[in-house]
Amino acid sequence: MPEPFGRLQQAVTDPRLGLARARFAPTWTLFYKETLRFGKVWLQTIAAPLITTILYLVVFGHALGGHISVYPGVSYTAFIVPGLMMMSILQNAFANSSSSLIQAKVTGNIVFLLLSPLSPTEIYIAMVAASVLRGALVGVAILALALLYLRIPLLHPLWIVAFTILGAGGMGSLGLIAGLWAEKFDQIAGFQNFIIMPLTFLAGVFYSMQSLPGMWQHLSLFNPFFYIIDGFRYGFFADSDVGVWTCLGVSIAFAGVTGLFAWHLLDRGYKLRQ
């Protein structure tokens, strides 16, 4: 019996573990399985985004570092680090839940999830929590590398943690929505390439919204990723393009709407019970 399912059986049948632990054992087991899934291929899920971010830092930092100043006393290279961190967090959180679900659907393994005693709420919590963990690990790895040669303040760490959870949680939910909707890998790739990638790139990763012409500033305000990145950057520099509480409100709304919709689709069995 595979280890995660062996642990589930032990949690349910061993009276020494107690009722509370046994109650959360199914959710924990699916979460454990999802973390194993991306942990086994860490070169692809953790190391690859790290290498991509290094390339962005080297190219943009070298080309523009001496020519652009956004915040007083903050180098341009340091300025883009939080943006690159959050961009990677968002993209990897989305990729984790969407790839897991579409892979299970295409290979037919989704039947084991549907036949399990897991409720839609438990499935949602486990898969989104795994997406948050993967996104957070990528973000921490990028920050640890950047701190080796850049001076980056961490003025409000609680804001950093809050926007990490909200951003990755919202994208994990969006990944579930995409995974439920898609019927093949190409559709997930199209969703990521034509929606997620452009919106994250145009969310202030490499620039301040204040540097844009008026029309583009107004358009940026309709991009929820902009608020997540701007609020996340506030946690580092105590400065942002819009108020941090506005960023928090939009981020909560984004995570809440995507989360409720993803749970609703799971509860209906959308494209799972056909």
Protein backbone atom coordinates (compact mmCIF):
# COMPACT_ATOMS: atom_id res chain seq x y z
CA MET A 1 0.00 0.00 0.00
CA PRO A 2 1.45 3.44 -0.91
CA GLU A 3 2.71 5.37 2.09
CA PRO A 4 0.13 8.22 2.06
CA PHE A 5 -2.79 5.81 1.93
CA GLY A 6 -1.16 3.67 4.62
CA ARG A 7 -1.03 6.75 6.84
CA LEU A 8 -4.68 7.45 6.11
CA GLN A 9 -5.65 3.95 7.16
CA GLN A 10 -3.58 4.24 10.34
CA ALA A 11 -5.15 7.63 11.21
CA VAL A 12 -8.65 6.31 10.75
CA THR A 13 -8.22 2.99 12.59
CA ASP A 14 -5.70 3.73 15.35
CA PRO A 15 -7.65 4.82 18.46
CA ARG A 16 -4.53 6.32 20.03
CA LEU A 17 -4.49 9.09 17.44
CA GLY A 18 -7.81 10.50 18.60
CA LEU A 19 -10.97 11.56 16.82
CA ALA A 20 -9.75 15.07 15.88
CA ARG A 21 -6.67 13.82 14.07
CA ALA A 22 -8.62 11.07 12.35
CA ARG A 23 -11.14 13.69 11.17
CA PHE A 24 -8.47 15.65 9.32
CA ALA A 25 -6.52 12.61 8.13
CA PRO A 26 -8.17 12.48 4.65
CA THR A 27 -7.41 16.15 3.98
CA TRP A 28 -3.87 15.76 5.28
CA THR A 29 -3.31 12.66 3.15
CA LEU A 30 -4.35 14.38 -0.08
CA PHE A 31 -2.25 17.40 0.86
CA TYR A 32 0.70 15.08 1.54
CA LYS A 33 0.18 13.36 -1.82
CA GLU A 34 0.10 16.72 -3.63
CA THR A 35 3.30 17.91 -1.95
CA LEU A 36 4.99 14.64 -2.85
CA ARG A 37 3.88 15.12 -6.45
CA PHE A 38 5.74 18.42 -6.89
CA GLY A 39 8.51 17.52 -4.44
CA LYS A 40 9.59 14.49 -6.48
CA VAL A 41 10.27 16.73 -9.48
CA TRP A 42 11.74 19.68 -7.57
CA LEU A 43 14.14 20.48 -10.39
CA GLN A 44 11.13 21.34 -12.54
CA THR A 45 8.84 22.83 -9.88
CA ILE A 46 11.30 24.72 -7.63
CA ALA A 47 14.68 25.01 -9.36
CA ALA A 48 13.39 25.96 -12.83
CA PRO A 49 11.47 29.07 -11.64
CA LEU A 50 14.53 30.05 -9.62
CA ILE A 51 16.78 29.91 -12.69
CA THR A 52 14.24 31.91 -14.71
CA THR A 53 14.17 34.60 -12.02
CA ILE A 54 17.98 34.76 -11.95
CA LEU A 55 17.95 35.44 -15.68
CA TYR A 56 15.40 38.23 -15.25
CA LEU A 57 17.47 39.80 -12.47
CA VAL A 58 20.70 39.61 -14.43
CA VAL A 59 19.27 40.92 -17.70
CA PHE A 60 16.98 43.66 -16.36
CA GLY A 61 19.21 44.57 -13.45
CA HIS A 62 22.27 44.95 -15.68
CA ALA A 63 20.46 46.71 -18.53
CA LEU A 64 18.30 49.10 -16.52
CA GLY A 65 19.71 49.11 -13.01
CA GLY A 66 21.73 52.29 -13.45
CA HIS A 67 19.08 54.19 -15.38
CA ILE A 68 15.85 53.75 -13.40
CA SER A 69 15.07 54.76 -9.83
CA VAL A 70 11.59 54.05 -8.44
CA TYR A 71 11.72 54.42 -4.66
CA PRO A 72 14.26 56.70 -2.91
CA GLY A 73 17.27 54.73 -1.76
CA VAL A 74 16.11 51.52 -3.50
CA SER A 75 17.99 50.22 -6.52
CA TYR A 76 15.99 49.10 -9.53
CA THR A 77 17.31 45.55 -9.15
CA ALA A 78 16.07 45.42 -5.55
CA PHE A 79 12.76 46.96 -6.64
CA ILE A 80 11.97 44.16 -9.10
CA VAL A 81 12.83 41.34 -6.68
CA PRO A 82 9.43 41.36 -4.86
CA GLY A 83 7.64 41.59 -8.21
CA LEU A 84 9.55 38.62 -9.59
CA MET A 85 8.94 36.71 -6.37
CA MET A 86 5.19 37.25 -6.49
CA MET A 87 5.00 36.58 -10.23
CA SER A 88 6.67 33.20 -9.64
CA ILE A 89 4.46 32.50 -6.62
CA LEU A 90 1.29 33.18 -8.62
CA GLN A 91 2.34 31.21 -11.68
CA ASN A 92 3.54 28.19 -9.70
CA ALA A 93 0.48 28.10 -7.45
CA PHE A 94 -1.71 28.07 -10.55
CA ALA A 95 0.43 25.43 -12.25
CA ASN A 96 0.35 23.12 -9.24
CA SER A 97 -3.41 22.68 -8.89
CA SER A 98 -4.22 22.91 -12.60
CA SER A 99 -1.58 20.37 -13.68
CA SER A 100 -2.50 17.96 -10.89
CA LEU A 101 -6.18 17.99 -11.82
CA ILE A 102 -5.78 17.79 -15.59
CA GLN A 103 -3.20 15.02 -15.25
CA ALA A 104 -5.58 13.02 -13.08
CA LYS A 105 -8.42 13.56 -15.58
CA VAL A 106 -6.39 12.66 -18.68
CA THR A 107 -4.81 9.53 -17.15
CA GLY A 108 -8.05 8.39 -15.53
CA ASN A 109 -6.65 8.57 -11.99
CA ILE A 110 -9.38 11.04 -11.05
CA VAL A 111 -11.63 8.04 -10.34
CA PHE A 112 -9.61 7.26 -7.20
CA LEU A 113 -10.24 10.78 -5.91
CA LEU A 114 -13.97 10.57 -6.70
CA LEU A 115 -14.30 7.20 -4.95
CA SER A 116 -12.47 8.38 -1.85
CA PRO A 117 -14.34 9.56 1.28
CA LEU A 118 -13.09 13.11 0.66
CA SER A 119 -15.72 15.84 0.48
CA PRO A 120 -15.44 18.74 -2.01
CA THR A 121 -14.34 20.98 0.85
CA GLU A 122 -11.55 18.60 1.85
CA ILE A 123 -10.36 18.26 -1.75
CA TYR A 124 -10.38 22.03 -2.15
CA ILE A 125 -8.46 22.69 1.07
CA ALA A 126 -5.81 20.04 0.37
CA MET A 127 -5.12 21.04 -3.23
CA VAL A 128 -5.08 24.79 -2.60
CA ALA A 129 -2.88 24.36 0.49
CA ALA A 130 -0.39 22.38 -1.60
CA SER A 131 -0.44 25.16 -4.22
CA VAL A 132 0.24 27.77 -1.53
CA LEU A 133 3.13 25.69 -0.22
CA ARG A 134 4.71 25.30 -3.65
CA GLY A 135 4.35 29.00 -4.40
CA ALA A 136 5.77 29.96 -1.00
CA LEU A 137 8.78 27.64 -1.42
CA VAL A 138 9.58 29.19 -4.78
CA GLY A 139 9.26 32.67 -3.28
CA VAL A 140 11.52 31.85 -0.33
CA ALA A 141 14.13 30.34 -2.64
CA ILE A 142 14.16 33.49 -4.81
CA LEU A 143 14.42 35.76 -1.77
CA ALA A 144 17.23 33.71 -0.23
CA LEU A 145 19.20 33.92 -3.46
CA ALA A 146 18.57 37.65 -3.89
CA LEU A 147 19.68 38.42 -0.33
CA LEU A 148 23.09 36.95 -1.10
CA TYR A 149 24.06 39.95 -3.22
CA LEU A 150 21.32 42.59 -2.77
CA ARG A 151 20.24 44.68 0.19
CA ILE A 152 16.49 44.18 0.39
CA PRO A 153 14.62 45.43 3.46
CA LEU A 154 11.83 43.38 5.02
CA LEU A 155 10.00 46.20 6.76
CA HIS A 156 6.59 44.54 7.19
CA PRO A 157 6.94 40.73 7.12
CA LEU A 158 3.31 40.15 8.11
CA TRP A 159 2.13 41.92 4.96
CA ILE A 160 4.52 39.74 2.95
CA VAL A 161 3.04 36.58 4.47
CA ALA A 162 -0.54 37.82 4.05
CA PHE A 163 -0.21 38.62 0.35
CA THR A 164 1.69 35.38 -0.26
CA ILE A 165 -1.18 33.34 1.19
CA LEU A 166 -3.90 35.37 -0.54
CA GLY A 167 -2.14 35.46 -3.91
CA ALA A 168 -1.12 31.80 -3.94
CA GLY A 169 -4.49 30.73 -2.52
CA GLY A 170 -6.40 32.66 -5.17
CA MET A 171 -4.22 31.26 -7.94
CA GLY A 172 -4.48 27.74 -6.56
CA SER A 173 -8.27 28.14 -6.74
CA LEU A 174 -8.02 29.52 -10.27
CA GLY A 175 -5.89 26.53 -11.17
CA LEU A 176 -8.65 24.23 -9.92
CA ILE A 177 -11.17 26.09 -12.07
CA ALA A 178 -8.93 25.76 -15.13
CA GLY A 179 -8.22 22.11 -14.39
CA LEU A 180 -11.91 21.31 -14.05
CA TRP A 181 -12.77 23.17 -17.25
CA ALA A 182 -9.94 21.81 -19.40
CA GLU A 183 -10.11 18.46 -21.10
CA LYS A 184 -6.53 18.28 -22.35
CA PHE A 185 -3.10 19.69 -21.54
CA ASP A 186 -3.19 22.14 -24.46
CA GLN A 187 -6.11 23.99 -22.91
CA ILE A 188 -4.24 24.43 -19.62
CA ALA A 189 -1.21 25.69 -21.53
CA GLY A 190 -3.40 28.15 -23.44
CA PHE A 191 -5.01 29.38 -20.21
CA GLN A 192 -1.57 29.95 -18.70
CA ASN A 193 0.06 31.50 -21.79
CA PHE A 194 -2.77 33.79 -22.85
CA ILE A 195 -4.29 34.80 -19.50
CA ILE A 196 -2.03 34.16 -16.51
CA MET A 197 1.29 35.10 -18.08
CA PRO A 198 0.19 38.44 -19.62
CA LEU A 199 -1.72 39.54 -16.52
CA THR A 200 1.21 38.81 -14.21
CA PHE A 201 3.72 40.52 -16.52
CA LEU A 202 1.50 43.60 -16.79
CA ALA A 203 0.94 43.86 -13.04
CA GLY A 204 3.88 46.10 -12.17
CA VAL A 205 6.57 43.46 -11.86
CA PHE A 206 9.19 45.52 -13.70
CA TYR A 207 7.82 49.04 -13.27
CA SER A 208 5.81 51.33 -11.05
CA MET A 209 2.29 52.13 -12.21
CA GLN A 210 3.10 55.82 -11.71
CA SER A 211 5.51 55.64 -14.67
CA LEU A 212 2.72 54.65 -17.09
CA PRO A 213 0.64 57.04 -19.22
CA GLY A 214 -2.79 57.88 -17.83
CA MET A 215 -4.80 55.36 -19.86
CA TRP A 216 -2.52 52.47 -18.93
CA GLN A 217 -2.63 53.46 -15.28
CA HIS A 218 -6.41 53.19 -15.34
CA LEU A 219 -6.27 49.83 -17.13
CA SER A 220 -3.84 48.51 -14.51
CA LEU A 221 -6.45 49.14 -11.84
CA PHE A 222 -8.61 46.39 -13.39
CA ASN A 223 -5.86 43.80 -13.02
CA PRO A 224 -6.20 41.99 -9.66
CA PHE A 225 -2.61 40.77 -9.88
CA PHE A 226 -1.44 44.37 -9.74
CA TYR A 227 -2.89 44.78 -6.24
CA ILE A 228 -1.36 41.52 -5.04
CA ILE A 229 2.10 42.49 -6.29
CA ASP A 230 1.81 46.09 -5.10
CA GLY A 231 0.73 45.04 -1.61
CA PHE A 232 3.44 42.38 -1.49
CA ARG A 233 6.05 45.00 -2.44
CA TYR A 234 4.77 47.24 0.36
CA GLY A 235 5.85 44.55 2.83
CA PHE A 236 9.43 45.05 1.70
CA PHE A 237 9.74 48.81 1.16
CA ALA A 238 6.73 50.28 3.05
CA ASP A 239 5.82 52.03 -0.20
CA SER A 240 3.29 51.22 -2.91
CA ASP A 241 1.44 52.74 -5.84
CA VAL A 242 -1.97 52.42 -4.18
CA GLY A 243 -2.93 52.08 -0.51
CA VAL A 244 -1.94 48.79 1.07
CA TRP A 245 -5.43 48.34 2.56
CA THR A 246 -6.92 48.71 -0.91
CA CYS A 247 -4.50 46.04 -2.10
CA LEU A 248 -5.54 43.81 0.79
CA GLY A 249 -9.24 44.28 0.04
CA VAL A 250 -8.86 43.43 -3.64
CA SER A 251 -6.64 40.44 -2.83
CA ILE A 252 -9.18 39.08 -0.34
CA ALA A 253 -11.96 39.56 -2.90
CA PHE A 254 -9.92 37.79 -5.58
CA ALA A 255 -9.09 34.84 -3.32
CA GLY A 256 -12.68 34.69 -2.04
CA VAL A 257 -14.38 34.78 -5.45
CA THR A 258 -12.05 32.24 -7.07
CA GLY A 259 -12.21 30.04 -3.98
CA LEU A 260 -16.01 29.98 -3.83
CA PHE A 261 -16.30 29.33 -7.55
CA ALA A 262 -13.74 26.51 -7.45
CA TRP A 263 -15.51 24.91 -4.48
CA HIS A 264 -18.87 25.23 -6.26
CA LEU A 265 -17.54 23.45 -9.34
CA LEU A 266 -16.04 20.69 -7.20
CA ASP A 267 -19.30 20.32 -5.30
CA ARG A 268 -21.19 19.95 -8.61
CA GLY A 269 -18.63 17.51 -9.94
CA TYR A 270 -18.22 19.75 -13.00
CA LYS A 271 -16.67 17.68 -15.82
CA LEU A 272 -15.74 15.02 -13.27
CA ARG A 273 -18.87 12.85 -13.16
CA GLN A 274 -19.65 12.53 -16.85
